Amino acid sequence: MKMVVMRALAVAGAAASVAVGLPALAQQPGASRSATLPPYRVNPGDELEIYVWGEERLQRSVRVLPDGTFSFPLVGRVNAVGKLPADLEAAISKGLASQFRDQVPQVTVSIRTPSGFQVSVIGKVRSPGSFTPGRYLNVLEAIFSAGGPTDFANTNDVLILRKQGSGLEPMRVRLTDLIKGNPSARDLSGLPELQSGDTVVVP
């Protein structure tokens, strides 16, 4: 029991060290600004909440189909994949324009369940599996979402497998210095943001 607690404290300490180290390095000349992840874009499988103010009949919860689209009354098929909620609000408003004599009521689109964004972490981590974080993650955040690396993990040879058509594109990442709380600007610039469907392998 004592050993389990000590390991948990070690993992928490490493995560805290990284969290403190990243902002400091971001202020250094030449440090990467990519630590700020972009806003979430719609993926197939996400559930959206759509509301047209004053038109309750047009309030809908829709799920984005595997082809990246969904259907909406009086608008038809809407291409959603890769779009921001604001993009979909504009597309729906444009589609409704012919249905209203005056100005189209305000359209609000929110991502109710971002279940379409999934990543997997396998290998020498404490809780391997698939995750639906609901936001973008970099590779380091994904590993700590899986409980962090085990004692004998080789964090200087982490592999990211990314789907490209019918094949997989491998990317290797060195993370040991980051996990120990001693990141450099070079480490930050090489910290990949994950895409939906990525698999992280910790050897």
Protein backbone atom coordinates (compact mmCIF):
# COMPACT_ATOMS: atom_id res chain seq x y z
CA MET A 1 0.00 0.00 0.00
CA LYS A 2 2.84 2.36 0.89
CA MET A 3 4.53 1.68 -2.45
CA VAL A 4 1.30 2.46 -4.37
CA VAL A 5 0.92 5.79 -2.57
CA MET A 6 4.56 6.70 -3.24
CA ARG A 7 4.14 5.93 -6.95
CA ALA A 8 0.97 8.02 -7.16
CA LEU A 9 2.76 10.94 -5.49
CA ALA A 10 5.65 10.60 -7.92
CA VAL A 11 3.34 10.75 -10.94
CA ALA A 12 1.48 13.75 -9.51
CA GLY A 13 4.76 15.50 -8.79
CA ALA A 14 6.00 14.98 -12.32
CA ALA A 15 2.80 16.37 -13.79
CA ALA A 16 2.98 19.40 -11.51
CA SER A 17 6.60 20.03 -12.49
CA VAL A 18 5.69 19.96 -16.17
CA ALA A 19 2.75 22.30 -15.60
CA VAL A 20 5.07 24.80 -13.88
CA GLY A 21 7.84 24.43 -16.46
CA LEU A 22 5.78 24.96 -19.61
CA PRO A 23 4.67 28.58 -19.01
CA ALA A 24 8.19 29.63 -18.00
CA LEU A 25 9.69 28.23 -21.18
CA ALA A 26 6.96 29.75 -23.34
CA GLN A 27 8.23 33.18 -22.29
CA GLN A 28 11.78 32.49 -23.41
CA PRO A 29 12.92 33.88 -26.81
CA GLY A 30 12.37 31.28 -29.50
CA ALA A 31 10.14 29.11 -27.31
CA SER A 32 7.15 27.50 -29.00
CA ARG A 33 3.76 29.18 -28.73
CA SER A 34 2.02 25.94 -29.71
CA ALA A 35 1.44 25.02 -26.05
CA THR A 36 -1.92 26.82 -26.36
CA LEU A 37 -4.15 24.27 -28.03
CA PRO A 38 -6.70 25.41 -30.65
CA PRO A 39 -10.47 25.48 -30.07
CA TYR A 40 -12.28 22.18 -30.50
CA ARG A 41 -13.56 21.41 -34.00
CA VAL A 42 -16.40 19.02 -34.76
CA ASN A 43 -15.64 15.35 -35.37
CA PRO A 44 -17.85 12.53 -36.69
CA GLY A 45 -19.72 11.03 -33.74
CA ASP A 46 -20.05 14.31 -31.81
CA GLU A 47 -23.50 15.23 -30.51
CA LEU A 48 -24.55 18.83 -31.16
CA GLU A 49 -27.23 20.95 -29.49
CA ILE A 50 -28.84 23.40 -31.93
CA TYR A 51 -31.27 26.13 -30.86
CA VAL A 52 -33.01 28.76 -33.01
CA TRP A 53 -34.22 31.49 -30.69
CA GLY A 54 -38.00 31.87 -30.65
CA GLU A 55 -38.48 28.74 -32.77
CA GLU A 56 -38.84 25.78 -30.43
CA ARG A 57 -39.76 23.50 -33.33
CA LEU A 58 -36.21 23.98 -34.62
CA GLN A 59 -34.47 22.98 -31.40
CA ARG A 60 -32.55 19.76 -32.04
CA SER A 61 -29.91 17.43 -30.67
CA VAL A 62 -28.12 15.87 -33.64
CA ARG A 63 -25.23 13.46 -33.99
CA VAL A 64 -22.64 14.03 -36.68
CA LEU A 65 -22.65 11.09 -39.08
CA PRO A 66 -19.51 9.15 -40.09
CA ASP A 67 -19.39 11.18 -43.33
CA GLY A 68 -19.09 14.39 -41.26
CA THR A 69 -22.59 15.74 -41.93
CA PHE A 70 -25.97 16.09 -40.21
CA SER A 71 -29.45 17.06 -41.36
CA PHE A 72 -31.41 20.05 -40.04
CA PRO A 73 -35.04 21.03 -40.78
CA LEU A 74 -35.52 23.60 -43.56
CA VAL A 75 -31.76 23.58 -44.21
CA GLY A 76 -30.99 20.04 -45.31
CA ARG A 77 -27.55 18.48 -45.12
CA VAL A 78 -24.89 20.46 -43.25
CA ASN A 79 -21.19 19.67 -43.53
CA ALA A 80 -19.87 19.79 -39.95
CA VAL A 81 -16.54 17.96 -39.74
CA GLY A 82 -13.62 20.24 -38.92
CA LYS A 83 -15.92 23.20 -38.26
CA LEU A 84 -16.23 25.40 -35.18
CA PRO A 85 -19.68 25.89 -33.59
CA ALA A 86 -19.67 29.48 -34.91
CA ASP A 87 -19.16 28.14 -38.45
CA LEU A 88 -22.22 25.91 -38.10
CA GLU A 89 -24.29 28.77 -36.69
CA ALA A 90 -23.48 30.81 -39.80
CA ALA A 91 -24.26 27.89 -42.14
CA ILE A 92 -27.64 27.19 -40.50
CA SER A 93 -28.57 30.90 -40.46
CA LYS A 94 -27.79 31.11 -44.18
CA GLY A 95 -29.88 28.01 -44.87
CA LEU A 96 -32.84 29.44 -42.95
CA ALA A 97 -32.71 32.88 -44.62
CA SER A 98 -35.34 32.05 -47.24
CA GLN A 99 -37.78 30.87 -44.54
CA PHE A 100 -38.04 34.19 -42.70
CA ARG A 101 -39.41 37.47 -44.05
CA ASP A 102 -37.30 39.51 -41.65
CA GLN A 103 -33.97 38.76 -40.02
CA VAL A 104 -33.25 35.12 -39.17
CA PRO A 105 -33.47 34.47 -35.40
CA GLN A 106 -30.21 33.90 -33.60
CA VAL A 107 -28.84 30.37 -34.01
CA THR A 108 -26.81 28.78 -31.21
CA VAL A 109 -24.76 25.62 -31.72
CA SER A 110 -22.94 23.89 -28.86
CA ILE A 111 -21.08 20.60 -28.66
CA ARG A 112 -23.13 18.59 -26.21
CA THR A 113 -21.08 15.38 -26.26
CA PRO A 114 -17.66 15.53 -27.96
CA SER A 115 -17.47 11.74 -28.19
CA GLY A 116 -16.08 11.82 -31.72
CA PHE A 117 -12.60 12.83 -30.57
CA GLN A 118 -10.87 9.69 -29.32
CA VAL A 119 -7.25 8.78 -28.68
CA SER A 120 -5.69 5.58 -27.34
CA VAL A 121 -2.70 5.14 -25.06
CA ILE A 122 -1.11 1.71 -24.76
CA GLY A 123 2.11 0.13 -23.54
CA LYS A 124 3.87 0.94 -20.27
CA VAL A 125 1.31 3.29 -18.72
CA ARG A 126 -0.69 2.69 -15.56
CA SER A 127 -4.18 2.81 -17.13
CA PRO A 128 -3.99 2.04 -20.86
CA GLY A 129 -7.10 2.43 -22.98
CA SER A 130 -9.11 4.72 -25.23
CA PHE A 131 -10.11 8.20 -24.09
CA THR A 132 -12.66 10.81 -25.19
CA PRO A 133 -11.24 13.93 -23.51
CA GLY A 134 -13.60 16.43 -25.12
CA ARG A 135 -10.71 18.73 -26.01
CA TYR A 136 -7.43 18.55 -27.86
CA LEU A 137 -4.49 16.96 -26.07
CA ASN A 138 -0.80 16.92 -26.68
CA VAL A 139 1.04 13.62 -26.33
CA LEU A 140 2.21 14.35 -22.78
CA GLU A 141 -1.31 15.14 -21.56
CA ALA A 142 -2.57 11.92 -23.15
CA ILE A 143 0.02 9.83 -21.30
CA PHE A 144 -0.94 11.35 -17.95
CA SER A 145 -4.62 10.81 -18.79
CA ALA A 146 -3.63 7.15 -18.87
CA GLY A 147 -2.14 7.37 -15.38
CA GLY A 148 1.38 8.30 -16.41
CA PRO A 149 4.29 6.06 -17.41
CA THR A 150 5.22 3.00 -15.38
CA ASP A 151 8.58 2.72 -13.62
CA PHE A 152 10.35 1.00 -16.54
CA ALA A 153 8.79 2.95 -19.41
CA ASN A 154 11.13 4.35 -22.06
CA THR A 155 9.72 7.88 -22.38
CA ASN A 156 12.48 8.90 -24.78
CA ASP A 157 11.08 6.67 -27.51
CA VAL A 158 7.31 7.27 -27.39
CA LEU A 159 5.55 6.38 -30.64
CA ILE A 160 2.47 8.08 -32.08
CA LEU A 161 0.60 6.13 -34.75
CA ARG A 162 -1.62 8.33 -36.92
CA LYS A 163 -4.08 7.08 -39.52
CA GLN A 164 -3.29 8.29 -43.02
CA GLY A 165 -5.67 6.80 -45.58
CA SER A 166 -5.36 3.04 -45.34
CA GLY A 167 -2.01 3.15 -43.55
CA LEU A 168 -0.37 4.48 -40.38
CA GLU A 169 2.16 7.29 -40.06
CA PRO A 170 4.62 6.77 -37.16
CA MET A 171 6.05 9.70 -35.18
CA ARG A 172 8.59 9.32 -32.37
CA VAL A 173 8.82 11.73 -29.43
CA ARG A 174 11.34 12.22 -26.60
CA LEU A 175 9.57 13.10 -23.33
CA THR A 176 11.93 12.18 -20.50
CA ASP A 177 13.14 15.71 -19.77
CA LEU A 178 9.58 17.06 -19.83
CA ILE A 179 8.34 14.41 -17.43
CA LYS A 180 11.26 15.09 -15.07
CA GLY A 181 10.32 18.77 -15.04
CA ASN A 182 13.36 19.98 -17.02
CA PRO A 183 11.87 20.90 -20.41
CA SER A 184 13.72 22.92 -23.01
CA ALA A 185 12.35 25.10 -25.80
CA ARG A 186 13.28 22.33 -28.22
CA ASP A 187 11.24 19.82 -26.19
CA LEU A 188 8.19 22.07 -26.36
CA SER A 189 8.49 22.68 -30.09
CA GLY A 190 8.53 18.91 -30.67
CA LEU A 191 5.46 18.20 -28.51
CA PRO A 192 2.81 17.01 -31.00
CA GLU A 193 -0.87 17.81 -30.67
CA LEU A 194 -2.89 14.63 -31.08
CA GLN A 195 -5.57 14.09 -33.68
CA SER A 196 -8.68 11.98 -33.34
CA GLY A 197 -7.82 8.32 -33.90
CA ASP A 198 -4.17 8.64 -32.80
CA THR A 199 -2.61 5.84 -30.78
CA VAL A 200 0.22 6.62 -28.36
CA VAL A 201 2.57 3.72 -27.63
CA VAL A 202 4.83 3.97 -24.56
CA PRO A 203 7.53 1.22 -24.81
